Full PDB file with SEQRES, HELIX, SHEET, SSBOND, CRYST1, ORIGX, SCALE, CONECT and MASTER records, all heavy atoms in Angstrom:
SEQRES   1 A   38  ALA ILE ALA PHE ALA PRO ARG ILE ARG VAL ASN ALA LEU          
SEQRES   2 A   38  ALA PRO ALA PHE ILE ALA THR GLU MET THR ASP ALA ILE          
SEQRES   3 A   38  PRO ALA GLU LEU ARG GLU LYS PHE ILE SER ARG ILE              
HELIX    1 AA1 GLU A   21  ASP A   24  1                                   4    
HELIX    2 AA2 ALA A   28  ILE A   35  1                                   8    
CRYST1    1.000    1.000    1.000  90.00  90.00  90.00 P 1           1          
ORIGX1      1.000000  0.000000  0.000000        0.00000                         
ORIGX2      0.000000  1.000000  0.000000        0.00000                         
ORIGX3      0.000000  0.000000  1.000000        0.00000                         
SCALE1      1.000000  0.000000  0.000000        0.00000                         
SCALE2      0.000000  1.000000  0.000000        0.00000                         
SCALE3      0.000000  0.000000  1.000000        0.00000                         
ATOM      1  N   ALA A   1       0.872  -1.202  -0.043  1.00  0.00           N  
ATOM      2  CA  ALA A   1      -0.053  -0.037  -0.003  1.00  0.00           C  
ATOM      3  C   ALA A   1       0.843   1.236   0.052  1.00  0.00           C  
ATOM      4  O   ALA A   1       0.596   2.218  -0.687  1.00  0.00           O  
ATOM      5  CB  ALA A   1      -0.877  -0.034   1.190  1.00  0.00           C  
ATOM      6  N   ILE A   2       1.915   1.171   0.741  1.00  0.00           N  
ATOM      7  CA  ILE A   2       2.813   2.372   0.796  1.00  0.00           C  
ATOM      8  C   ILE A   2       3.578   2.443  -0.504  1.00  0.00           C  
ATOM      9  O   ILE A   2       3.856   3.583  -1.122  1.00  0.00           O  
ATOM     10  CB  ILE A   2       3.847   2.163   2.087  1.00  0.00           C  
ATOM     11  CG1 ILE A   2       3.059   2.317   3.308  1.00  0.00           C  
ATOM     12  CG2 ILE A   2       4.929   3.231   1.919  1.00  0.00           C  
ATOM     13  CD1 ILE A   2       3.928   1.804   4.524  1.00  0.00           C  
ATOM     14  N   ALA A   3       4.085   1.354  -0.929  1.00  0.00           N  
ATOM     15  CA  ALA A   3       4.992   1.377  -2.148  1.00  0.00           C  
ATOM     16  C   ALA A   3       4.149   1.765  -3.415  1.00  0.00           C  
ATOM     17  O   ALA A   3       4.713   2.423  -4.355  1.00  0.00           O  
ATOM     18  CB  ALA A   3       5.504  -0.083  -2.502  1.00  0.00           C  
ATOM     19  N   PHE A   4       2.846   1.416  -3.538  1.00  0.00           N  
ATOM     20  CA  PHE A   4       2.102   1.687  -4.712  1.00  0.00           C  
ATOM     21  C   PHE A   4       1.269   2.914  -4.640  1.00  0.00           C  
ATOM     22  O   PHE A   4       0.613   3.265  -5.598  1.00  0.00           O  
ATOM     23  CB  PHE A   4       1.178   0.395  -5.033  1.00  0.00           C  
ATOM     24  CG  PHE A   4       1.864  -0.800  -5.418  1.00  0.00           C  
ATOM     25  CD1 PHE A   4       1.260  -1.995  -5.287  1.00  0.00           C  
ATOM     26  CD2 PHE A   4       3.261  -0.867  -5.856  1.00  0.00           C  
ATOM     27  CE1 PHE A   4       1.877  -3.292  -5.733  1.00  0.00           C  
ATOM     28  CE2 PHE A   4       3.929  -2.009  -6.129  1.00  0.00           C  
ATOM     29  CZ  PHE A   4       3.282  -3.191  -6.132  1.00  0.00           C  
ATOM     30  N   ALA A   5       1.147   3.495  -3.511  1.00  0.00           N  
ATOM     31  CA  ALA A   5       0.443   4.801  -3.418  1.00  0.00           C  
ATOM     32  C   ALA A   5       0.964   5.842  -4.227  1.00  0.00           C  
ATOM     33  O   ALA A   5       2.184   5.976  -4.353  1.00  0.00           O  
ATOM     34  CB  ALA A   5       0.332   5.182  -1.943  1.00  0.00           C  
ATOM     35  N   PRO A   6       0.109   6.848  -4.785  1.00  0.00           N  
ATOM     36  CA  PRO A   6      -1.420   6.713  -4.759  1.00  0.00           C  
ATOM     37  C   PRO A   6      -2.042   6.064  -5.888  1.00  0.00           C  
ATOM     38  O   PRO A   6      -3.274   6.058  -5.946  1.00  0.00           O  
ATOM     39  CB  PRO A   6      -1.669   8.208  -4.686  1.00  0.00           C  
ATOM     40  CG  PRO A   6      -0.685   8.785  -5.606  1.00  0.00           C  
ATOM     41  CD  PRO A   6       0.536   7.976  -5.392  1.00  0.00           C  
ATOM     42  N   ARG A   7      -1.363   5.346  -6.704  1.00  0.00           N  
ATOM     43  CA  ARG A   7      -1.867   4.937  -7.932  1.00  0.00           C  
ATOM     44  C   ARG A   7      -2.732   3.643  -7.763  1.00  0.00           C  
ATOM     45  O   ARG A   7      -3.751   3.373  -8.350  1.00  0.00           O  
ATOM     46  CB  ARG A   7      -0.805   4.627  -9.031  1.00  0.00           C  
ATOM     47  CG  ARG A   7      -1.349   4.371 -10.370  1.00  0.00           C  
ATOM     48  CD  ARG A   7      -0.168   4.143 -11.421  1.00  0.00           C  
ATOM     49  NE  ARG A   7       0.568   3.058 -11.123  1.00  0.00           N  
ATOM     50  CZ  ARG A   7       0.324   1.877 -11.716  1.00  0.00           C  
ATOM     51  NH1 ARG A   7      -0.696   1.564 -12.401  1.00  0.00           N  
ATOM     52  NH2 ARG A   7       1.082   0.810 -11.373  1.00  0.00           N  
ATOM     53  N   ILE A   8      -2.268   2.752  -6.822  1.00  0.00           N  
ATOM     54  CA  ILE A   8      -2.858   1.557  -6.510  1.00  0.00           C  
ATOM     55  C   ILE A   8      -3.241   1.415  -5.163  1.00  0.00           C  
ATOM     56  O   ILE A   8      -2.453   1.643  -4.244  1.00  0.00           O  
ATOM     57  CB  ILE A   8      -2.091   0.222  -6.938  1.00  0.00           C  
ATOM     58  CG1 ILE A   8      -1.677   0.333  -8.474  1.00  0.00           C  
ATOM     59  CG2 ILE A   8      -2.775  -1.003  -6.691  1.00  0.00           C  
ATOM     60  CD1 ILE A   8      -0.619  -0.592  -8.919  1.00  0.00           C  
ATOM     61  N   ARG A   9      -4.468   1.091  -4.741  1.00  0.00           N  
ATOM     62  CA  ARG A   9      -4.885   0.788  -3.376  1.00  0.00           C  
ATOM     63  C   ARG A   9      -4.714  -0.701  -3.067  1.00  0.00           C  
ATOM     64  O   ARG A   9      -5.103  -1.513  -3.975  1.00  0.00           O  
ATOM     65  CB  ARG A   9      -6.324   1.304  -3.157  1.00  0.00           C  
ATOM     66  CG  ARG A   9      -6.505   2.832  -3.351  1.00  0.00           C  
ATOM     67  CD  ARG A   9      -7.990   3.199  -3.182  1.00  0.00           C  
ATOM     68  NE  ARG A   9      -8.887   2.706  -4.152  1.00  0.00           N  
ATOM     69  CZ  ARG A   9      -9.628   1.696  -4.021  1.00  0.00           C  
ATOM     70  NH1 ARG A   9      -9.786   1.072  -2.929  1.00  0.00           N  
ATOM     71  NH2 ARG A   9     -10.409   1.279  -5.087  1.00  0.00           N  
ATOM     72  N   VAL A  10      -4.160  -0.833  -1.829  1.00  0.00           N  
ATOM     73  CA  VAL A  10      -3.906  -2.413  -1.603  1.00  0.00           C  
ATOM     74  C   VAL A  10      -4.546  -2.456  -0.111  1.00  0.00           C  
ATOM     75  O   VAL A  10      -4.183  -1.970   0.797  1.00  0.00           O  
ATOM     76  CB  VAL A  10      -2.405  -2.740  -1.518  1.00  0.00           C  
ATOM     77  CG1 VAL A  10      -2.148  -4.137  -1.274  1.00  0.00           C  
ATOM     78  CG2 VAL A  10      -1.804  -2.240  -2.776  1.00  0.00           C  
ATOM     79  N   ASN A  11      -5.514  -3.600  -0.139  1.00  0.00           N  
ATOM     80  CA  ASN A  11      -6.144  -3.786   1.080  1.00  0.00           C  
ATOM     81  C   ASN A  11      -6.283  -5.269   1.276  1.00  0.00           C  
ATOM     82  O   ASN A  11      -6.151  -6.052   0.422  1.00  0.00           O  
ATOM     83  CB  ASN A  11      -7.558  -3.194   1.169  1.00  0.00           C  
ATOM     84  CG  ASN A  11      -7.382  -1.608   1.265  1.00  0.00           C  
ATOM     85  OD1 ASN A  11      -7.054  -1.150   2.314  1.00  0.00           O  
ATOM     86  ND2 ASN A  11      -7.832  -1.039   0.216  1.00  0.00           N  
ATOM     87  N   ALA A  12      -6.693  -5.763   2.540  1.00  0.00           N  
ATOM     88  CA  ALA A  12      -6.873  -7.166   2.806  1.00  0.00           C  
ATOM     89  C   ALA A  12      -8.277  -7.326   3.520  1.00  0.00           C  
ATOM     90  O   ALA A  12      -8.872  -6.500   4.101  1.00  0.00           O  
ATOM     91  CB  ALA A  12      -5.797  -7.650   3.714  1.00  0.00           C  
ATOM     92  N   LEU A  13      -8.797  -8.579   3.311  1.00  0.00           N  
ATOM     93  CA  LEU A  13      -9.958  -8.994   3.923  1.00  0.00           C  
ATOM     94  C   LEU A  13      -9.522 -10.181   4.947  1.00  0.00           C  
ATOM     95  O   LEU A  13      -8.685 -10.936   4.634  1.00  0.00           O  
ATOM     96  CB  LEU A  13     -11.045  -9.677   3.014  1.00  0.00           C  
ATOM     97  CG  LEU A  13     -11.628  -8.540   2.139  1.00  0.00           C  
ATOM     98  CD1 LEU A  13     -12.597  -9.260   1.111  1.00  0.00           C  
ATOM     99  CD2 LEU A  13     -12.537  -7.600   2.903  1.00  0.00           C  
ATOM    100  N   ALA A  14     -10.207 -10.124   6.180  1.00  0.00           N  
ATOM    101  CA  ALA A  14      -9.916 -11.148   7.094  1.00  0.00           C  
ATOM    102  C   ALA A  14     -11.281 -11.844   7.546  1.00  0.00           C  
ATOM    103  O   ALA A  14     -11.917 -11.557   8.545  1.00  0.00           O  
ATOM    104  CB  ALA A  14      -9.210 -10.651   8.303  1.00  0.00           C  
ATOM    105  N   PRO A  15     -11.668 -12.788   6.711  1.00  0.00           N  
ATOM    106  CA  PRO A  15     -12.877 -13.636   7.042  1.00  0.00           C  
ATOM    107  C   PRO A  15     -12.842 -14.371   8.360  1.00  0.00           C  
ATOM    108  O   PRO A  15     -11.603 -14.950   8.516  1.00  0.00           O  
ATOM    109  CB  PRO A  15     -13.244 -14.360   5.896  1.00  0.00           C  
ATOM    110  CG  PRO A  15     -12.360 -13.708   4.686  1.00  0.00           C  
ATOM    111  CD  PRO A  15     -11.147 -13.229   5.332  1.00  0.00           C  
ATOM    112  N   ALA A  16     -13.750 -14.520   9.071  1.00  0.00           N  
ATOM    113  CA  ALA A  16     -13.861 -15.541  10.209  1.00  0.00           C  
ATOM    114  C   ALA A  16     -14.392 -16.935   9.598  1.00  0.00           C  
ATOM    115  O   ALA A  16     -13.943 -17.417   8.610  1.00  0.00           O  
ATOM    116  CB  ALA A  16     -14.507 -14.952  11.327  1.00  0.00           C  
ATOM    117  N   PHE A  17     -15.457 -17.356  10.297  1.00  0.00           N  
ATOM    118  CA  PHE A  17     -15.993 -18.603   9.920  1.00  0.00           C  
ATOM    119  C   PHE A  17     -16.949 -18.486   8.788  1.00  0.00           C  
ATOM    120  O   PHE A  17     -18.157 -17.934   8.972  1.00  0.00           O  
ATOM    121  CB  PHE A  17     -16.624 -19.275  11.125  1.00  0.00           C  
ATOM    122  CG  PHE A  17     -16.858 -20.734  10.991  1.00  0.00           C  
ATOM    123  CD1 PHE A  17     -15.956 -21.706  11.102  1.00  0.00           C  
ATOM    124  CD2 PHE A  17     -18.203 -21.201  10.632  1.00  0.00           C  
ATOM    125  CE1 PHE A  17     -16.165 -22.986  11.026  1.00  0.00           C  
ATOM    126  CE2 PHE A  17     -18.325 -22.579  10.410  1.00  0.00           C  
ATOM    127  CZ  PHE A  17     -17.317 -23.446  10.645  1.00  0.00           C  
ATOM    128  N   ILE A  18     -16.672 -18.938   7.626  1.00  0.00           N  
ATOM    129  CA  ILE A  18     -17.452 -18.757   6.419  1.00  0.00           C  
ATOM    130  C   ILE A  18     -17.869 -20.161   5.988  1.00  0.00           C  
ATOM    131  O   ILE A  18     -17.139 -21.026   5.841  1.00  0.00           O  
ATOM    132  CB  ILE A  18     -16.685 -18.084   5.253  1.00  0.00           C  
ATOM    133  CG1 ILE A  18     -16.092 -16.708   5.725  1.00  0.00           C  
ATOM    134  CG2 ILE A  18     -17.567 -17.860   4.078  1.00  0.00           C  
ATOM    135  CD1 ILE A  18     -17.016 -15.728   6.156  1.00  0.00           C  
ATOM    136  N   ALA A  19     -19.161 -20.250   5.613  1.00  0.00           N  
ATOM    137  CA  ALA A  19     -19.772 -21.501   5.211  1.00  0.00           C  
ATOM    138  C   ALA A  19     -19.211 -21.842   3.758  1.00  0.00           C  
ATOM    139  O   ALA A  19     -19.781 -21.295   2.735  1.00  0.00           O  
ATOM    140  CB  ALA A  19     -21.301 -21.439   5.218  1.00  0.00           C  
ATOM    141  N   THR A  20     -18.263 -22.771   3.594  1.00  0.00           N  
ATOM    142  CA  THR A  20     -17.874 -23.260   2.403  1.00  0.00           C  
ATOM    143  C   THR A  20     -17.730 -24.716   2.433  1.00  0.00           C  
ATOM    144  O   THR A  20     -17.953 -25.381   3.381  1.00  0.00           O  
ATOM    145  CB  THR A  20     -16.477 -22.706   2.074  1.00  0.00           C  
ATOM    146  OG1 THR A  20     -15.590 -23.064   3.096  1.00  0.00           O  
ATOM    147  CG2 THR A  20     -16.447 -21.151   2.027  1.00  0.00           C  
ATOM    148  N   GLU A  21     -17.305 -25.403   1.274  1.00  0.00           N  
ATOM    149  CA  GLU A  21     -17.062 -26.746   1.245  1.00  0.00           C  
ATOM    150  C   GLU A  21     -16.054 -27.203   2.328  1.00  0.00           C  
ATOM    151  O   GLU A  21     -16.129 -28.275   2.941  1.00  0.00           O  
ATOM    152  CB  GLU A  21     -16.687 -27.285  -0.189  1.00  0.00           C  
ATOM    153  CG  GLU A  21     -17.627 -27.088  -1.178  1.00  0.00           C  
ATOM    154  CD  GLU A  21     -17.053 -27.580  -2.542  1.00  0.00           C  
ATOM    155  OE1 GLU A  21     -15.999 -28.104  -2.684  1.00  0.00           O  
ATOM    156  OE2 GLU A  21     -17.938 -27.432  -3.564  1.00  0.00           O  
ATOM    157  N   MET A  22     -14.991 -26.240   2.601  1.00  0.00           N  
ATOM    158  CA  MET A  22     -14.011 -26.582   3.486  1.00  0.00           C  
ATOM    159  C   MET A  22     -14.470 -26.638   4.950  1.00  0.00           C  
ATOM    160  O   MET A  22     -14.226 -27.576   5.604  1.00  0.00           O  
ATOM    161  CB  MET A  22     -12.894 -25.551   3.371  1.00  0.00           C  
ATOM    162  CG  MET A  22     -11.714 -25.761   4.299  1.00  0.00           C  
ATOM    163  SD  MET A  22     -10.418 -24.584   4.100  1.00  0.00           S  
ATOM    164  CE  MET A  22      -9.985 -24.535   2.470  1.00  0.00           C  
ATOM    165  N   THR A  23     -15.325 -25.647   5.280  1.00  0.00           N  
ATOM    166  CA  THR A  23     -15.898 -25.629   6.649  1.00  0.00           C  
ATOM    167  C   THR A  23     -17.020 -26.762   6.795  1.00  0.00           C  
ATOM    168  O   THR A  23     -17.227 -27.211   7.908  1.00  0.00           O  
ATOM    169  CB  THR A  23     -16.394 -24.262   6.891  1.00  0.00           C  
ATOM    170  OG1 THR A  23     -17.450 -23.856   6.044  1.00  0.00           O  
ATOM    171  CG2 THR A  23     -15.295 -23.305   7.069  1.00  0.00           C  
ATOM    172  N   ASP A  24     -17.651 -27.037   5.660  1.00  0.00           N  
ATOM    173  CA  ASP A  24     -18.667 -28.174   5.834  1.00  0.00           C  
ATOM    174  C   ASP A  24     -18.051 -29.499   6.112  1.00  0.00           C  
ATOM    175  O   ASP A  24     -18.769 -30.283   6.682  1.00  0.00           O  
ATOM    176  CB  ASP A  24     -19.412 -28.270   4.501  1.00  0.00           C  
ATOM    177  CG  ASP A  24     -20.372 -27.142   4.200  1.00  0.00           C  
ATOM    178  OD1 ASP A  24     -20.657 -26.462   5.195  1.00  0.00           O  
ATOM    179  OD2 ASP A  24     -20.842 -26.956   3.040  1.00  0.00           O  
ATOM    180  N   ALA A  25     -16.735 -29.575   5.899  1.00  0.00           N  
ATOM    181  CA  ALA A  25     -16.124 -30.840   6.257  1.00  0.00           C  
ATOM    182  C   ALA A  25     -15.686 -30.957   7.686  1.00  0.00           C  
ATOM    183  O   ALA A  25     -15.199 -32.094   8.137  1.00  0.00           O  
ATOM    184  CB  ALA A  25     -14.879 -31.030   5.372  1.00  0.00           C  
ATOM    185  N   ILE A  26     -15.802 -29.905   8.415  1.00  0.00           N  
ATOM    186  CA  ILE A  26     -15.455 -29.829   9.819  1.00  0.00           C  
ATOM    187  C   ILE A  26     -16.540 -30.633  10.600  1.00  0.00           C  
ATOM    188  O   ILE A  26     -17.781 -30.386  10.341  1.00  0.00           O  
ATOM    189  CB  ILE A  26     -15.405 -28.449  10.403  1.00  0.00           C  
ATOM    190  CG1 ILE A  26     -14.253 -27.687   9.686  1.00  0.00           C  
ATOM    191  CG2 ILE A  26     -15.203 -28.460  11.840  1.00  0.00           C  
ATOM    192  CD1 ILE A  26     -14.131 -26.231  10.019  1.00  0.00           C  
ATOM    193  N   PRO A  27     -16.176 -31.512  11.526  1.00  0.00           N  
ATOM    194  CA  PRO A  27     -17.207 -32.303  12.307  1.00  0.00           C  
ATOM    195  C   PRO A  27     -18.265 -31.313  12.970  1.00  0.00           C  
ATOM    196  O   PRO A  27     -17.919 -30.141  13.392  1.00  0.00           O  
ATOM    197  CB  PRO A  27     -16.456 -32.941  13.407  1.00  0.00           C  
ATOM    198  CG  PRO A  27     -15.087 -33.115  12.724  1.00  0.00           C  
ATOM    199  CD  PRO A  27     -14.865 -31.852  11.976  1.00  0.00           C  
ATOM    200  N   ALA A  28     -19.476 -31.679  12.927  1.00  0.00           N  
ATOM    201  CA  ALA A  28     -20.610 -30.797  13.304  1.00  0.00           C  
ATOM    202  C   ALA A  28     -20.401 -30.212  14.645  1.00  0.00           C  
ATOM    203  O   ALA A  28     -20.699 -29.035  14.964  1.00  0.00           O  
ATOM    204  CB  ALA A  28     -21.974 -31.556  13.227  1.00  0.00           C  
ATOM    205  N   GLU A  29     -19.948 -31.003  15.650  1.00  0.00           N  
ATOM    206  CA  GLU A  29     -19.871 -30.593  17.036  1.00  0.00           C  
ATOM    207  C   GLU A  29     -18.799 -29.425  17.119  1.00  0.00           C  
ATOM    208  O   GLU A  29     -18.971 -28.440  17.733  1.00  0.00           O  
ATOM    209  CB  GLU A  29     -19.398 -31.694  17.893  1.00  0.00           C  
ATOM    210  CG  GLU A  29     -19.294 -31.389  19.311  1.00  0.00           C  
ATOM    211  CD  GLU A  29     -18.764 -32.484  20.213  1.00  0.00           C  
ATOM    212  OE1 GLU A  29     -18.859 -33.727  19.757  1.00  0.00           O  
ATOM    213  OE2 GLU A  29     -18.252 -32.257  21.353  1.00  0.00           O  
ATOM    214  N   LEU A  30     -17.752 -29.499  16.389  1.00  0.00           N  
ATOM    215  CA  LEU A  30     -16.647 -28.524  16.286  1.00  0.00           C  
ATOM    216  C   LEU A  30     -17.058 -27.245  15.621  1.00  0.00           C  
ATOM    217  O   LEU A  30     -16.826 -26.149  15.954  1.00  0.00           O  
ATOM    218  CB  LEU A  30     -15.401 -29.164  15.657  1.00  0.00           C  
ATOM    219  CG  LEU A  30     -14.162 -28.176  15.663  1.00  0.00           C  
ATOM    220  CD1 LEU A  30     -13.823 -27.810  17.093  1.00  0.00           C  
ATOM    221  CD2 LEU A  30     -13.015 -28.919  15.065  1.00  0.00           C  
ATOM    222  N   ARG A  31     -17.881 -27.485  14.460  1.00  0.00           N  
ATOM    223  CA  ARG A  31     -18.435 -26.325  13.818  1.00  0.00           C  
ATOM    224  C   ARG A  31     -19.334 -25.559  14.612  1.00  0.00           C  
ATOM    225  O   ARG A  31     -19.324 -24.273  14.583  1.00  0.00           O  
ATOM    226  CB  ARG A  31     -19.232 -26.894  12.465  1.00  0.00           C  
ATOM    227  CG  ARG A  31     -19.631 -25.841  11.564  1.00  0.00           C  
ATOM    228  CD  ARG A  31     -19.889 -26.356  10.104  1.00  0.00           C  
ATOM    229  NE  ARG A  31     -21.053 -27.335  10.198  1.00  0.00           N  
ATOM    230  CZ  ARG A  31     -20.945 -28.663   9.961  1.00  0.00           C  
ATOM    231  NH1 ARG A  31     -19.741 -29.179   9.523  1.00  0.00           N  
ATOM    232  NH2 ARG A  31     -22.002 -29.478   9.953  1.00  0.00           N  
ATOM    233  N   GLU A  32     -20.277 -26.208  15.410  1.00  0.00           N  
ATOM    234  CA  GLU A  32     -21.114 -25.447  16.237  1.00  0.00           C  
ATOM    235  C   GLU A  32     -20.361 -24.751  17.343  1.00  0.00           C  
ATOM    236  O   GLU A  32     -20.732 -23.713  17.774  1.00  0.00           O  
ATOM    237  CB  GLU A  32     -22.204 -26.454  16.954  1.00  0.00           C  
ATOM    238  CG  GLU A  32     -23.102 -27.079  15.986  1.00  0.00           C  
ATOM    239  CD  GLU A  32     -23.971 -25.879  15.274  1.00  0.00           C  
ATOM    240  OE1 GLU A  32     -24.335 -24.932  15.887  1.00  0.00           O  
ATOM    241  OE2 GLU A  32     -24.119 -26.035  13.976  1.00  0.00           O  
ATOM    242  N   LYS A  33     -19.259 -25.290  17.801  1.00  0.00           N  
ATOM    243  CA  LYS A  33     -18.426 -24.647  18.813  1.00  0.00           C  
ATOM    244  C   LYS A  33     -17.855 -23.304  18.240  1.00  0.00           C  
ATOM    245  O   LYS A  33     -17.882 -22.273  18.888  1.00  0.00           O  
ATOM    246  CB  LYS A  33     -17.335 -25.511  19.304  1.00  0.00           C  
ATOM    247  CG  LYS A  33     -16.430 -24.882  20.358  1.00  0.00           C  
ATOM    248  CD  LYS A  33     -15.297 -25.909  20.684  1.00  0.00           C  
ATOM    249  CE  LYS A  33     -14.361 -25.301  21.701  1.00  0.00           C  
ATOM    250  NZ  LYS A  33     -13.306 -26.253  22.125  1.00  0.00           N  
ATOM    251  N   PHE A  34     -17.439 -23.214  16.964  1.00  0.00           N  
ATOM    252  CA  PHE A  34     -16.918 -22.108  16.401  1.00  0.00           C  
ATOM    253  C   PHE A  34     -18.058 -21.061  16.265  1.00  0.00           C  
ATOM    254  O   PHE A  34     -17.788 -19.912  16.539  1.00  0.00           O  
ATOM    255  CB  PHE A  34     -16.534 -22.392  14.954  1.00  0.00           C  
ATOM    256  CG  PHE A  34     -15.033 -23.256  15.035  1.00  0.00           C  
ATOM    257  CD1 PHE A  34     -14.809 -24.138  13.824  1.00  0.00           C  
ATOM    258  CD2 PHE A  34     -14.138 -23.146  15.954  1.00  0.00           C  
ATOM    259  CE1 PHE A  34     -13.628 -24.870  13.903  1.00  0.00           C  
ATOM    260  CE2 PHE A  34     -12.921 -23.867  16.017  1.00  0.00           C  
ATOM    261  CZ  PHE A  34     -12.648 -24.676  14.954  1.00  0.00           C  
ATOM    262  N   ILE A  35     -19.231 -21.490  15.741  1.00  0.00           N  
ATOM    263  CA  ILE A  35     -20.273 -20.622  15.547  1.00  0.00           C  
ATOM    264  C   ILE A  35     -20.773 -19.914  16.854  1.00  0.00           C  
ATOM    265  O   ILE A  35     -21.288 -18.827  16.914  1.00  0.00           O  
ATOM    266  CB  ILE A  35     -21.414 -21.310  14.793  1.00  0.00           C  
ATOM    267  CG1 ILE A  35     -21.038 -21.646  13.434  1.00  0.00           C  
ATOM    268  CG2 ILE A  35     -22.814 -20.411  14.776  1.00  0.00           C  
ATOM    269  CD1 ILE A  35     -22.073 -22.405  12.567  1.00  0.00           C  
ATOM    270  N   SER A  36     -20.750 -20.732  17.945  1.00  0.00           N  
ATOM    271  CA  SER A  36     -21.180 -20.267  19.233  1.00  0.00           C  
ATOM    272  C   SER A  36     -20.374 -19.022  19.761  1.00  0.00           C  
ATOM    273  O   SER A  36     -20.865 -18.194  20.627  1.00  0.00           O  
ATOM    274  CB  SER A  36     -21.047 -21.383  20.233  1.00  0.00           C  
ATOM    275  OG  SER A  36     -19.750 -21.603  20.574  1.00  0.00           O  
ATOM    276  N   ARG A  37     -19.211 -18.830  19.245  1.00  0.00           N  
ATOM    277  CA  ARG A  37     -18.341 -17.721  19.503  1.00  0.00           C  
ATOM    278  C   ARG A  37     -18.609 -16.426  18.752  1.00  0.00           C  
ATOM    279  O   ARG A  37     -17.982 -15.377  18.985  1.00  0.00           O  
ATOM    280  CB  ARG A  37     -16.863 -18.077  19.461  1.00  0.00           C  
ATOM    281  CG  ARG A  37     -16.441 -19.237  20.321  1.00  0.00           C  
ATOM    282  CD  ARG A  37     -14.983 -19.667  19.889  1.00  0.00           C  
ATOM    283  NE  ARG A  37     -14.574 -20.855  20.717  1.00  0.00           N  
ATOM    284  CZ  ARG A  37     -13.449 -21.532  20.529  1.00  0.00           C  
ATOM    285  NH1 ARG A  37     -12.737 -21.144  19.400  1.00  0.00           N  
ATOM    286  NH2 ARG A  37     -13.140 -22.587  21.186  1.00  0.00           N  
ATOM    287  N   ILE A  38     -19.511 -16.532  17.786  1.00  0.00           N  
ATOM    288  CA  ILE A  38     -19.725 -15.478  16.916  1.00  0.00           C  
ATOM    289  C   ILE A  38     -21.033 -14.714  17.304  1.00  0.00           C  
ATOM    290  O   ILE A  38     -22.007 -15.337  17.466  1.00  0.00           O  
ATOM    291  CB  ILE A  38     -19.975 -16.028  15.442  1.00  0.00           C  
ATOM    292  CG1 ILE A  38     -18.658 -16.745  14.867  1.00  0.00           C  
ATOM    293  CG2 ILE A  38     -20.282 -14.755  14.413  1.00  0.00           C  
ATOM    294  CD1 ILE A  38     -18.912 -17.449  13.611  1.00  0.00           C  
TER     295      ILE A  38                                                      
MASTER        0    0    0    2    0    0    0    6  294    1    0    3          
END                                                                             
């Protein structure tokens, strides 16, 4: 962001627990534990 300013903006996203094929593979009990913290 510093190196490319001002021509290019550089940012990041930090998702938490997102429902995808990857998280669907997590055991249901553990998945519910994660969701309970949100």
